[in-house]
Amino acid sequence: MLREKGLAKAAKKIGREANDGLIGHYIHAGSRVAALVEVNCETDFVARTPDFQQFAHDIAMQVVGAQPKYVSVDDVPAEVVESERATYRQQFLDEGKPERILDRIVEGKLSKFYEEVCLLEQPFIKDGDVKIGDLVTQMIAQLGENIVIRRFVRYQVGE
């Protein structure tokens, strides 16, 4: 019950401005791959807490390990989505799938595509049962402020 109340409080805070925060970073062993992540919150007080700093570090580690291209589904360009949709549709037509279920199959494949390329849709590398978006919601409930993953960049030697 307390968890539900915390998540309800988190839902109320999502619309609030998050203009403070910090840059989380992670450099993988061997220094060949690294990531920087901008994670915003409402106050610098929360940004200085160990929980928030660990969260930003974990998100940077996620970017290194899972290699997302976009923060959220909304960030994926429409032409990329349409291209993927057309590719999947043609693939399943070639396999002889019935027309009446084709749209549902394509939408399922798009969901899998989003899990691969969108950070907030990916399973957390430390706990595969939790998506990054759900982890953000948990942090909002825990810290009492809106938290937004604004952007990230991933560097790899030779890329």
Foldseek 3Di string as FASTA:
>chain_A
DVVVVLLVLLVVQQPDDFDAADWAKDADPVRFKMKIWTKTWNDVVLNPDPVRNVLNPQLRVCCRPLVAAEAAPVPDDPVVLVVQLVVQLVVVVVVVDDPVCSVVVSVVVVLVVRCRHHQQNDQRPVGNVDGNVNVQSVVCSVSVIHMDGDDMDMGGPPD
